Amino acid sequence: MKKDKLTNKAMKELVGQITHTYKGDTGINFIDVSNLPAREKILEILDLFTELIFPGYTGRREVTKTNIDFIVGDILCQIYSELCDQTERAYRYACRIKECEDCDCRIKAENVTKHLLGRLPKIREMLKGDVKAAFDGDPAAQSYEEIVISYPCITAIATYRIAHELYLQDVPLIPRIMSECAHSKTGIDIHPGARIGKNFFIDHGTGVVIGETTIIGNNVKIYQGTTLGAMSFPKDERGKIIKGSKRHPTIEDNVTIYAEATILGDVLIGKNAVIGGNVWVKESVPAGVTVITPNAELVYKKNKTTEK
């Protein structure tokens, strides 16, 4: 069979056809402007944060009592340098979109990075509570070490708690890169804009969705497949979605939400409520109330057997 070769002429024509599709398209092109944050670099920075938050768990460095100060200092310096660079890129992107001329992106990036690093002790305290909540809430858990090293919820929540700090500082792009990285790894989708309290546990985790304007109190436990989503999106006079409005649920303290429950809209789930599995909730639920669906009517049929 004769092999078709890509000749120089054919290559030139193909290049022209592809580059022609770039003209006038600003949606998926990023040409002739400063670079966007590098996704792979953001993921490397997340790995460095993991080493700081859970020292000794990644296996990348042998951590001892005698070298821990050196290791922490080394990682902090690396994060500071690399996150400053990536955050500056994110701000320059935002300036281009907003046609801003007076913004000193480098100073903003340095200030945001210093703020996030200063929040690490608080983030660690929050994550200690999350790990304890997982241990207390899962009878199959044998140790804190098992939870930290293997439970997907800890990866997702730790990433969220870092990304949330950047989201609060209005850093473009990077918080979503971080959260979508955790989403792809764990199957747990937590928007960095959500507000989540202490001692949060997601059991199993796959398929959980927590929307941007969700508010979750303390000591909340949810199971796999739970959706805390929006029921509808308000639109302006041109039919475009109005962004930033409260459109997701508020979950108060000590609530349990079982598997595949769906809670939609700006509704309130009161303290100590229990939301049963596979229910749809579109209205507020009072404190101390259990919501379940009626038992399905089961049909039992005797299996046919084949006599030999």
C-alpha atoms as a PDB file:
ATOM      1  CA  MET A   1       0.000   0.000   0.000  1.00  0.00           C
ATOM      2  CA  LYS A   2       1.337   3.418  -0.953  1.00  0.00           C
ATOM      3  CA  LYS A   3       2.061   5.684   1.999  1.00  0.00           C
ATOM      4  CA  ASP A   4       0.694   9.230   1.861  1.00  0.00           C
ATOM      5  CA  LYS A   5       3.358  11.712   2.846  1.00  0.00           C
ATOM      6  CA  LEU A   6       2.705  15.125   4.302  1.00  0.00           C
ATOM      7  CA  THR A   7       4.614  17.231   1.811  1.00  0.00           C
ATOM      8  CA  ASN A   8       5.907  20.704   2.539  1.00  0.00           C
ATOM      9  CA  LYS A   9       3.153  22.161   0.383  1.00  0.00           C
ATOM     10  CA  ALA A  10       0.472  20.146   2.175  1.00  0.00           C
ATOM     11  CA  MET A  11       1.916  21.129   5.546  1.00  0.00           C
ATOM     12  CA  LYS A  12       1.885  24.805   4.588  1.00  0.00           C
ATOM     13  CA  GLU A  13      -1.736  24.541   3.477  1.00  0.00           C
ATOM     14  CA  LEU A  14      -2.720  22.795   6.704  1.00  0.00           C
ATOM     15  CA  VAL A  15      -0.966  25.437   8.812  1.00  0.00           C
ATOM     16  CA  GLY A  16      -2.846  28.123   6.908  1.00  0.00           C
ATOM     17  CA  GLN A  17      -6.193  26.397   7.401  1.00  0.00           C
ATOM     18  CA  ILE A  18      -5.640  26.076  11.157  1.00  0.00           C
ATOM     19  CA  THR A  19      -4.336  29.600  11.737  1.00  0.00           C
ATOM     20  CA  HIS A  20      -7.219  31.008   9.692  1.00  0.00           C
ATOM     21  CA  THR A  21      -9.587  29.710  12.379  1.00  0.00           C
ATOM     22  CA  TYR A  22      -7.805  31.915  14.934  1.00  0.00           C
ATOM     23  CA  LYS A  23      -8.784  35.171  13.263  1.00  0.00           C
ATOM     24  CA  GLY A  24     -11.367  37.203  15.130  1.00  0.00           C
ATOM     25  CA  ASP A  25     -11.719  34.544  17.817  1.00  0.00           C
ATOM     26  CA  THR A  26     -10.823  35.759  21.315  1.00  0.00           C
ATOM     27  CA  GLY A  27     -12.618  32.989  23.182  1.00  0.00           C
ATOM     28  CA  ILE A  28     -10.087  30.161  22.975  1.00  0.00           C
ATOM     29  CA  ASN A  29      -7.061  32.020  21.647  1.00  0.00           C
ATOM     30  CA  PHE A  30      -4.380  33.776  23.687  1.00  0.00           C
ATOM     31  CA  ILE A  31      -2.039  35.341  21.147  1.00  0.00           C
ATOM     32  CA  ASP A  32       0.158  38.470  21.221  1.00  0.00           C
ATOM     33  CA  VAL A  33      -0.370  38.993  24.955  1.00  0.00           C
ATOM     34  CA  SER A  34       1.417  37.991  28.169  1.00  0.00           C
ATOM     35  CA  ASN A  35       1.156  34.350  29.122  1.00  0.00           C
ATOM     36  CA  LEU A  36      -1.658  32.870  31.189  1.00  0.00           C
ATOM     37  CA  PRO A  37      -0.880  31.046  34.427  1.00  0.00           C
ATOM     38  CA  ALA A  38       0.640  27.664  33.599  1.00  0.00           C
ATOM     39  CA  ARG A  39      -1.657  24.871  34.701  1.00  0.00           C
ATOM     40  CA  GLU A  40       1.161  22.400  35.291  1.00  0.00           C
ATOM     41  CA  LYS A  41       3.018  24.954  37.395  1.00  0.00           C
ATOM     42  CA  ILE A  42      -0.113  25.524  39.521  1.00  0.00           C
ATOM     43  CA  LEU A  43      -0.344  21.784  40.139  1.00  0.00           C
ATOM     44  CA  GLU A  44       3.303  21.723  41.213  1.00  0.00           C
ATOM     45  CA  ILE A  45       2.583  24.556  43.650  1.00  0.00           C
ATOM     46  CA  LEU A  46      -0.356  22.584  45.040  1.00  0.00           C
ATOM     47  CA  ASP A  47       1.971  19.645  45.650  1.00  0.00           C
ATOM     48  CA  LEU A  48       4.294  21.959  47.578  1.00  0.00           C
ATOM     49  CA  PHE A  49       1.380  23.136  49.706  1.00  0.00           C
ATOM     50  CA  THR A  50       0.552  19.498  50.434  1.00  0.00           C
ATOM     51  CA  GLU A  51       4.094  18.985  51.740  1.00  0.00           C
ATOM     52  CA  LEU A  52       3.667  21.948  54.087  1.00  0.00           C
ATOM     53  CA  ILE A  53       0.210  21.004  55.307  1.00  0.00           C
ATOM     54  CA  PHE A  54       0.883  17.281  55.725  1.00  0.00           C
ATOM     55  CA  PRO A  55       4.659  17.030  56.312  1.00  0.00           C
ATOM     56  CA  GLY A  56       6.132  13.612  55.682  1.00  0.00           C
ATOM     57  CA  TYR A  57       3.102  12.249  53.849  1.00  0.00           C
ATOM     58  CA  THR A  58       4.188  12.802  50.266  1.00  0.00           C
ATOM     59  CA  GLY A  59       7.457  10.883  50.591  1.00  0.00           C
ATOM     60  CA  ARG A  60       9.300  13.474  48.517  1.00  0.00           C
ATOM     61  CA  ARG A  61      11.497  14.514  51.444  1.00  0.00           C
ATOM     62  CA  GLU A  62      12.456  12.694  54.593  1.00  0.00           C
ATOM     63  CA  VAL A  63      11.197  14.951  57.386  1.00  0.00           C
ATOM     64  CA  THR A  64      12.819  14.795  60.815  1.00  0.00           C
ATOM     65  CA  LYS A  65      12.730  16.964  63.924  1.00  0.00           C
ATOM     66  CA  THR A  66      16.203  18.235  63.108  1.00  0.00           C
ATOM     67  CA  ASN A  67      15.595  19.205  59.482  1.00  0.00           C
ATOM     68  CA  ILE A  68      11.950  20.311  59.549  1.00  0.00           C
ATOM     69  CA  ASP A  69      12.735  24.023  59.910  1.00  0.00           C
ATOM     70  CA  PHE A  70      15.017  23.874  56.895  1.00  0.00           C
ATOM     71  CA  ILE A  71      12.468  21.943  54.822  1.00  0.00           C
ATOM     72  CA  VAL A  72       9.597  24.289  55.698  1.00  0.00           C
ATOM     73  CA  GLY A  73      11.709  27.343  54.906  1.00  0.00           C
ATOM     74  CA  ASP A  74      12.849  25.857  51.609  1.00  0.00           C
ATOM     75  CA  ILE A  75       9.287  25.025  50.532  1.00  0.00           C
ATOM     76  CA  LEU A  76       7.981  28.438  51.591  1.00  0.00           C
ATOM     77  CA  CYS A  77      10.637  30.183  49.518  1.00  0.00           C
ATOM     78  CA  GLN A  78       9.827  28.037  46.494  1.00  0.00           C
ATOM     79  CA  ILE A  79       6.069  28.600  46.817  1.00  0.00           C
ATOM     80  CA  TYR A  80       6.559  32.331  47.270  1.00  0.00           C
ATOM     81  CA  SER A  81       8.649  32.678  44.137  1.00  0.00           C
ATOM     82  CA  GLU A  82       6.538  30.463  41.893  1.00  0.00           C
ATOM     83  CA  LEU A  83       3.107  31.540  43.135  1.00  0.00           C
ATOM     84  CA  CYS A  84       4.075  35.215  42.798  1.00  0.00           C
ATOM     85  CA  ASP A  85       4.988  34.598  39.167  1.00  0.00           C
ATOM     86  CA  GLN A  86       1.779  32.724  38.382  1.00  0.00           C
ATOM     87  CA  THR A  87      -0.432  35.177  40.265  1.00  0.00           C
ATOM     88  CA  GLU A  88       1.188  38.091  38.421  1.00  0.00           C
ATOM     89  CA  ARG A  89       0.294  36.377  35.159  1.00  0.00           C
ATOM     90  CA  ALA A  90      -3.299  35.987  36.357  1.00  0.00           C
ATOM     91  CA  TYR A  91      -3.539  39.672  37.254  1.00  0.00           C
ATOM     92  CA  ARG A  92      -2.027  40.728  33.925  1.00  0.00           C
ATOM     93  CA  TYR A  93      -4.675  38.632  32.192  1.00  0.00           C
ATOM     94  CA  ALA A  94      -7.397  40.418  34.195  1.00  0.00           C
ATOM     95  CA  CYS A  95      -5.875  43.810  33.363  1.00  0.00           C
ATOM     96  CA  ARG A  96      -5.962  42.989  29.675  1.00  0.00           C
ATOM     97  CA  ILE A  97      -9.635  41.995  29.896  1.00  0.00           C
ATOM     98  CA  LYS A  98     -10.568  45.127  31.887  1.00  0.00           C
ATOM     99  CA  GLU A  99      -8.186  47.385  29.935  1.00  0.00           C
ATOM    100  CA  CYS A 100      -6.643  48.479  33.225  1.00  0.00           C
ATOM    101  CA  GLU A 101      -3.527  50.662  33.045  1.00  0.00           C
ATOM    102  CA  ASP A 102      -2.753  51.687  36.641  1.00  0.00           C
ATOM    103  CA  CYS A 103      -2.549  48.219  38.227  1.00  0.00           C
ATOM    104  CA  ASP A 104       0.826  47.094  39.583  1.00  0.00           C
ATOM    105  CA  CYS A 105       0.306  43.379  39.061  1.00  0.00           C
ATOM    106  CA  ARG A 106       3.595  42.325  40.620  1.00  0.00           C
ATOM    107  CA  ILE A 107       2.950  44.097  43.915  1.00  0.00           C
ATOM    108  CA  LYS A 108      -0.581  42.681  44.059  1.00  0.00           C
ATOM    109  CA  ALA A 109       0.769  39.185  43.393  1.00  0.00           C
ATOM    110  CA  GLU A 110       3.379  39.494  46.145  1.00  0.00           C
ATOM    111  CA  ASN A 111       0.819  40.781  48.652  1.00  0.00           C
ATOM    112  CA  VAL A 112      -1.647  37.990  47.874  1.00  0.00           C
ATOM    113  CA  THR A 113       1.049  35.324  48.119  1.00  0.00           C
ATOM    114  CA  LYS A 114       2.235  36.656  51.484  1.00  0.00           C
ATOM    115  CA  HIS A 115      -1.378  36.715  52.693  1.00  0.00           C
ATOM    116  CA  LEU A 116      -1.947  33.082  51.697  1.00  0.00           C
ATOM    117  CA  LEU A 117       1.284  31.907  53.308  1.00  0.00           C
ATOM    118  CA  GLY A 118       0.330  33.761  56.477  1.00  0.00           C
ATOM    119  CA  ARG A 119      -2.982  31.874  56.509  1.00  0.00           C
ATOM    120  CA  LEU A 120      -1.322  28.440  56.443  1.00  0.00           C
ATOM    121  CA  PRO A 121      -1.368  27.917  60.256  1.00  0.00           C
ATOM    122  CA  LYS A 122      -5.144  28.589  60.229  1.00  0.00           C
ATOM    123  CA  ILE A 123      -5.654  26.313  57.225  1.00  0.00           C
ATOM    124  CA  ARG A 124      -3.768  23.536  58.999  1.00  0.00           C
ATOM    125  CA  GLU A 125      -5.961  23.898  62.078  1.00  0.00           C
ATOM    126  CA  MET A 126      -9.078  23.664  59.902  1.00  0.00           C
ATOM    127  CA  LEU A 127      -7.753  20.552  58.180  1.00  0.00           C
ATOM    128  CA  LYS A 128      -6.962  18.903  61.506  1.00  0.00           C
ATOM    129  CA  GLY A 129     -10.652  19.224  62.293  1.00  0.00           C
ATOM    130  CA  ASP A 130     -11.611  17.842  58.878  1.00  0.00           C
ATOM    131  CA  VAL A 131      -9.380  14.796  59.374  1.00  0.00           C
ATOM    132  CA  LYS A 132     -10.822  14.214  62.864  1.00  0.00           C
ATOM    133  CA  ALA A 133     -14.357  14.524  61.462  1.00  0.00           C
ATOM    134  CA  ALA A 134     -13.530  11.823  58.896  1.00  0.00           C
ATOM    135  CA  PHE A 135     -12.092   9.539  61.568  1.00  0.00           C
ATOM    136  CA  ASP A 136     -15.062  10.059  63.886  1.00  0.00           C
ATOM    137  CA  GLY A 137     -17.606   9.788  61.075  1.00  0.00           C
ATOM    138  CA  ASP A 138     -16.355   6.673  59.305  1.00  0.00           C
ATOM    139  CA  PRO A 139     -16.392   3.388  61.257  1.00  0.00           C
ATOM    140  CA  ALA A 140     -14.088   1.882  58.625  1.00  0.00           C
ATOM    141  CA  ALA A 141     -11.320   4.406  59.340  1.00  0.00           C
ATOM    142  CA  GLN A 142      -8.425   2.854  61.238  1.00  0.00           C
ATOM    143  CA  SER A 143      -6.176   5.880  61.757  1.00  0.00           C
ATOM    144  CA  TYR A 144      -5.626   9.526  60.947  1.00  0.00           C
ATOM    145  CA  GLU A 145      -2.727   8.463  58.737  1.00  0.00           C
ATOM    146  CA  GLU A 146      -5.015   6.306  56.625  1.00  0.00           C
ATOM    147  CA  ILE A 147      -7.388   9.225  56.159  1.00  0.00           C
ATOM    148  CA  VAL A 148      -4.731  11.747  55.168  1.00  0.00           C
ATOM    149  CA  ILE A 149      -2.931   9.484  52.735  1.00  0.00           C
ATOM    150  CA  SER A 150      -5.912   7.802  51.071  1.00  0.00           C
ATOM    151  CA  TYR A 151      -9.254   9.588  51.559  1.00  0.00           C
ATOM    152  CA  PRO A 152     -10.245  11.665  48.501  1.00  0.00           C
ATOM    153  CA  CYS A 153     -12.222  14.100  50.627  1.00  0.00           C
ATOM    154  CA  ILE A 154      -9.044  15.301  52.341  1.00  0.00           C
ATOM    155  CA  THR A 155      -7.389  16.045  48.998  1.00  0.00           C
ATOM    156  CA  ALA A 156     -10.495  17.907  47.836  1.00  0.00           C
ATOM    157  CA  ILE A 157     -11.029  19.856  51.052  1.00  0.00           C
ATOM    158  CA  ALA A 158      -7.358  20.769  51.456  1.00  0.00           C
ATOM    159  CA  THR A 159      -7.260  22.070  47.891  1.00  0.00           C
ATOM    160  CA  TYR A 160     -10.495  23.972  48.472  1.00  0.00           C
ATOM    161  CA  ARG A 161      -9.183  25.651  51.618  1.00  0.00           C
ATOM    162  CA  ILE A 162      -6.117  26.925  49.745  1.00  0.00           C
ATOM    163  CA  ALA A 163      -8.045  27.969  46.626  1.00  0.00           C
ATOM    164  CA  HIS A 164     -10.692  29.705  48.745  1.00  0.00           C
ATOM    165  CA  GLU A 165      -8.115  32.092  50.213  1.00  0.00           C
ATOM    166  CA  LEU A 166      -7.044  33.110  46.698  1.00  0.00           C
ATOM    167  CA  TYR A 167     -10.682  33.431  45.630  1.00  0.00           C
ATOM    168  CA  LEU A 168     -11.341  35.824  48.521  1.00  0.00           C
ATOM    169  CA  GLN A 169      -8.455  37.970  47.249  1.00  0.00           C
ATOM    170  CA  ASP A 170     -10.036  38.093  43.756  1.00  0.00           C
ATOM    171  CA  VAL A 171      -7.177  36.226  42.111  1.00  0.00           C
ATOM    172  CA  PRO A 172      -8.279  35.342  38.561  1.00  0.00           C
ATOM    173  CA  LEU A 173      -8.088  31.818  37.099  1.00  0.00           C
ATOM    174  CA  ILE A 174      -5.807  30.157  39.663  1.00  0.00           C
ATOM    175  CA  PRO A 175      -8.457  29.159  42.246  1.00  0.00           C
ATOM    176  CA  ARG A 176     -10.463  27.399  39.541  1.00  0.00           C
ATOM    177  CA  ILE A 177      -7.381  25.658  38.164  1.00  0.00           C
ATOM    178  CA  MET A 178      -6.734  24.324  41.675  1.00  0.00           C
ATOM    179  CA  SER A 179     -10.300  23.226  42.345  1.00  0.00           C
ATOM    180  CA  GLU A 180     -10.678  21.526  38.969  1.00  0.00           C
ATOM    181  CA  CYS A 181      -7.423  19.673  39.594  1.00  0.00           C
ATOM    182  CA  ALA A 182      -8.908  18.261  42.796  1.00  0.00           C
ATOM    183  CA  HIS A 183     -12.147  17.535  40.945  1.00  0.00           C
ATOM    184  CA  SER A 184     -10.348  15.467  38.321  1.00  0.00           C
ATOM    185  CA  LYS A 185      -8.407  13.558  40.993  1.00  0.00           C
ATOM    186  CA  THR A 186     -11.236  12.858  43.430  1.00  0.00           C
ATOM    187  CA  GLY A 187     -14.567  13.230  41.656  1.00  0.00           C
ATOM    188  CA  ILE A 188     -15.459  15.910  44.234  1.00  0.00           C
ATOM    189  CA  ASP A 189     -16.321  19.304  42.749  1.00  0.00           C
ATOM    190  CA  ILE A 190     -16.048  22.140  45.293  1.00  0.00           C
ATOM    191  CA  HIS A 191     -16.141  25.652  43.877  1.00  0.00           C
ATOM    192  CA  PRO A 192     -13.499  27.821  45.581  1.00  0.00           C
ATOM    193  CA  GLY A 193     -16.133  30.462  46.287  1.00  0.00           C
ATOM    194  CA  ALA A 194     -18.130  28.220  48.623  1.00  0.00           C
ATOM    195  CA  ARG A 195     -17.907  28.997  52.340  1.00  0.00           C
ATOM    196  CA  ILE A 196     -17.285  25.873  54.436  1.00  0.00           C
ATOM    197  CA  GLY A 197     -16.966  25.749  58.218  1.00  0.00           C
ATOM    198  CA  LYS A 198     -15.059  23.508  60.591  1.00  0.00           C
ATOM    199  CA  ASN A 199     -15.006  19.706  60.821  1.00  0.00           C
ATOM    200  CA  PHE A 200     -16.328  19.003  57.321  1.00  0.00           C
ATOM    201  CA  PHE A 201     -16.534  15.401  56.129  1.00  0.00           C
ATOM    202  CA  ILE A 202     -17.456  13.993  52.718  1.00  0.00           C
ATOM    203  CA  ASP A 203     -17.909  10.217  52.983  1.00  0.00           C
ATOM    204  CA  HIS A 204     -16.833   8.297  49.848  1.00  0.00           C
ATOM    205  CA  GLY A 205     -17.138  11.514  47.875  1.00  0.00           C
ATOM    206  CA  THR A 206     -17.543  10.582  44.220  1.00  0.00           C
ATOM    207  CA  GLY A 207     -20.001  12.831  42.416  1.00  0.00           C
ATOM    208  CA  VAL A 208     -20.321  15.509  45.101  1.00  0.00           C
ATOM    209  CA  VAL A 209     -20.993  19.002  43.715  1.00  0.00           C
ATOM    210  CA  ILE A 210     -20.828  22.142  45.875  1.00  0.00           C
ATOM    211  CA  GLY A 211     -21.680  25.364  44.045  1.00  0.00           C
ATOM    212  CA  GLU A 212     -20.040  28.772  44.254  1.00  0.00           C
ATOM    213  CA  THR A 213     -22.428  30.522  46.650  1.00  0.00           C
ATOM    214  CA  THR A 214     -23.011  27.536  48.932  1.00  0.00           C
ATOM    215  CA  ILE A 215     -22.578  28.196  52.654  1.00  0.00           C
ATOM    216  CA  ILE A 216     -21.834  25.193  54.905  1.00  0.00           C
ATOM    217  CA  GLY A 217     -21.660  25.467  58.689  1.00  0.00           C
ATOM    218  CA  ASN A 218     -19.682  23.435  61.209  1.00  0.00           C
ATOM    219  CA  ASN A 219     -19.791  19.663  61.730  1.00  0.00           C
ATOM    220  CA  VAL A 220     -21.555  18.913  58.440  1.00  0.00           C
ATOM    221  CA  LYS A 221     -21.346  15.464  56.892  1.00  0.00           C
ATOM    222  CA  ILE A 222     -22.354  14.631  53.340  1.00  0.00           C
ATOM    223  CA  TYR A 223     -22.222  11.446  51.302  1.00  0.00           C
ATOM    224  CA  GLN A 224     -21.378  10.591  47.719  1.00  0.00           C
ATOM    225  CA  GLY A 225     -23.472  11.981  44.890  1.00  0.00           C
ATOM    226  CA  THR A 226     -24.771  14.954  46.867  1.00  0.00           C
ATOM    227  CA  THR A 227     -25.481  18.081  44.830  1.00  0.00           C
ATOM    228  CA  LEU A 228     -25.689  21.518  46.418  1.00  0.00           C
ATOM    229  CA  GLY A 229     -26.649  23.318  43.252  1.00  0.00           C
ATOM    230  CA  ALA A 230     -28.611  26.143  41.684  1.00  0.00           C
ATOM    231  CA  MET A 231     -32.180  25.703  40.528  1.00  0.00           C
ATOM    232  CA  SER A 232     -32.311  28.642  38.124  1.00  0.00           C
ATOM    233  CA  PHE A 233     -30.138  31.525  37.014  1.00  0.00           C
ATOM    234  CA  PRO A 234     -31.428  35.123  37.066  1.00  0.00           C
ATOM    235  CA  LYS A 235     -30.877  36.934  33.751  1.00  0.00           C
ATOM    236  CA  ASP A 236     -30.589  40.563  32.739  1.00  0.00           C
ATOM    237  CA  GLU A 237     -32.663  42.379  30.126  1.00  0.00           C
ATOM    238  CA  ARG A 238     -30.410  40.977  27.381  1.00  0.00           C
ATOM    239  CA  GLY A 239     -30.974  37.415  28.529  1.00  0.00           C
ATOM    240  CA  LYS A 240     -27.488  36.949  29.945  1.00  0.00           C
ATOM    241  CA  ILE A 241     -26.946  35.244  33.292  1.00  0.00           C
ATOM    242  CA  ILE A 242     -26.410  37.651  36.192  1.00  0.00           C
ATOM    243  CA  LYS A 243     -23.285  36.465  37.961  1.00  0.00           C
ATOM    244  CA  GLY A 244     -22.548  36.724  41.682  1.00  0.00           C
ATOM    245  CA  SER A 245     -26.051  36.380  43.112  1.00  0.00           C
ATOM    246  CA  LYS A 246     -26.768  33.908  45.949  1.00  0.00           C
ATOM    247  CA  ARG A 247     -28.159  30.866  44.168  1.00  0.00           C
ATOM    248  CA  HIS A 248     -26.978  27.839  46.169  1.00  0.00           C
ATOM    249  CA  PRO A 249     -28.089  26.354  49.501  1.00  0.00           C
ATOM    250  CA  THR A 250     -27.069  27.351  53.004  1.00  0.00           C
ATOM    251  CA  ILE A 251     -26.406  24.318  55.219  1.00  0.00           C
ATOM    252  CA  GLU A 252     -26.356  25.079  58.935  1.00  0.00           C
ATOM    253  CA  ASP A 253     -24.383  23.296  61.682  1.00  0.00           C
ATOM    254  CA  ASN A 254     -24.586  19.564  62.396  1.00  0.00           C
ATOM    255  CA  VAL A 255     -26.493  18.642  59.230  1.00  0.00           C
ATOM    256  CA  THR A 256     -26.157  15.203  57.612  1.00  0.00           C
ATOM    257  CA  ILE A 257     -26.930  14.759  53.910  1.00  0.00           C
ATOM    258  CA  TYR A 258     -27.100  11.199  52.621  1.00  0.00           C
ATOM    259  CA  ALA A 259     -26.110   9.776  49.235  1.00  0.00           C
ATOM    260  CA  GLU A 260     -27.475  11.178  45.982  1.00  0.00           C
ATOM    261  CA  ALA A 261     -29.478  13.918  47.692  1.00  0.00           C
ATOM    262  CA  THR A 262     -30.040  17.021  45.571  1.00  0.00           C
ATOM    263  CA  ILE A 263     -30.601  20.399  47.224  1.00  0.00           C
ATOM    264  CA  LEU A 264     -31.241  23.231  44.793  1.00  0.00           C
ATOM    265  CA  GLY A 265     -31.491  26.985  45.046  1.00  0.00           C
ATOM    266  CA  ASP A 266     -31.007  29.562  47.760  1.00  0.00           C
ATOM    267  CA  VAL A 267     -32.686  27.478  50.463  1.00  0.00           C
ATOM    268  CA  LEU A 268     -31.807  27.021  54.133  1.00  0.00           C
ATOM    269  CA  ILE A 269     -31.256  23.612  55.718  1.00  0.00           C
ATOM    270  CA  GLY A 270     -31.601  24.208  59.466  1.00  0.00           C
ATOM    271  CA  LYS A 271     -29.326  23.007  62.246  1.00  0.00           C
ATOM    272  CA  ASN A 272     -29.330  19.275  63.048  1.00  0.00           C
ATOM    273  CA  ALA A 273     -31.489  18.454  60.013  1.00  0.00           C
ATOM    274  CA  VAL A 274     -31.067  15.140  58.198  1.00  0.00           C
ATOM    275  CA  ILE A 275     -31.582  14.919  54.434  1.00  0.00           C
ATOM    276  CA  GLY A 276     -32.202  11.355  53.327  1.00  0.00           C
ATOM    277  CA  GLY A 277     -30.745   9.647  50.292  1.00  0.00           C
ATOM    278  CA  ASN A 278     -32.087  10.275  46.786  1.00  0.00           C
ATOM    279  CA  VAL A 279     -34.339  13.170  47.810  1.00  0.00           C
ATOM    280  CA  TRP A 280     -34.855  16.420  45.912  1.00  0.00           C
ATOM    281  CA  VAL A 281     -35.100  19.495  48.125  1.00  0.00           C
ATOM    282  CA  LYS A 282     -36.147  22.839  46.622  1.00  0.00           C
ATOM    283  CA  GLU A 283     -37.557  24.455  49.760  1.00  0.00           C
ATOM    284  CA  SER A 284     -36.029  25.365  53.118  1.00  0.00           C
ATOM    285  CA  VAL A 285     -35.975  22.687  55.819  1.00  0.00           C
ATOM    286  CA  PRO A 286     -36.502  23.642  59.496  1.00  0.00           C
ATOM    287  CA  ALA A 287     -33.935  22.815  62.146  1.00  0.00           C
ATOM    288  CA  GLY A 288     -34.055  19.320  63.605  1.00  0.00           C
ATOM    289  CA  VAL A 289     -36.181  17.863  60.785  1.00  0.00           C
ATOM    290  CA  THR A 290     -35.523  14.672  58.799  1.00  0.00           C
ATOM    291  CA  VAL A 291     -36.507  14.680  55.113  1.00  0.00           C
ATOM    292  CA  ILE A 292     -36.965  11.345  53.377  1.00  0.00           C
ATOM    293  CA  THR A 293     -38.890  10.000  50.406  1.00  0.00           C
ATOM    294  CA  PRO A 294     -41.608   7.396  50.948  1.00  0.00           C
ATOM    295  CA  ASN A 295     -40.503   3.808  50.599  1.00  0.00           C
ATOM    296  CA  ALA A 296     -40.709   2.656  47.025  1.00  0.00           C
ATOM    297  CA  GLU A 297     -43.155  -0.137  46.348  1.00  0.00           C
ATOM    298  CA  LEU A 298     -40.953  -3.166  45.821  1.00  0.00           C
ATOM    299  CA  VAL A 299     -41.997  -6.039  43.590  1.00  0.00           C
ATOM    300  CA  TYR A 300     -40.624  -9.505  44.356  1.00  0.00           C
ATOM    301  CA  LYS A 301     -40.602 -12.172  41.640  1.00  0.00           C
ATOM    302  CA  LYS A 302     -39.341 -15.653  42.057  1.00  0.00           C
ATOM    303  CA  ASN A 303     -36.377 -16.373  39.809  1.00  0.00           C
ATOM    304  CA  LYS A 304     -36.861 -18.974  37.137  1.00  0.00           C
ATOM    305  CA  THR A 305     -34.712 -22.029  37.658  1.00  0.00           C
ATOM    306  CA  THR A 306     -33.598 -24.444  35.002  1.00  0.00           C
ATOM    307  CA  GLU A 307     -33.688 -28.083  36.022  1.00  0.00           C
ATOM    308  CA  LYS A 308     -30.817 -30.192  34.818  1.00  0.00           C
END
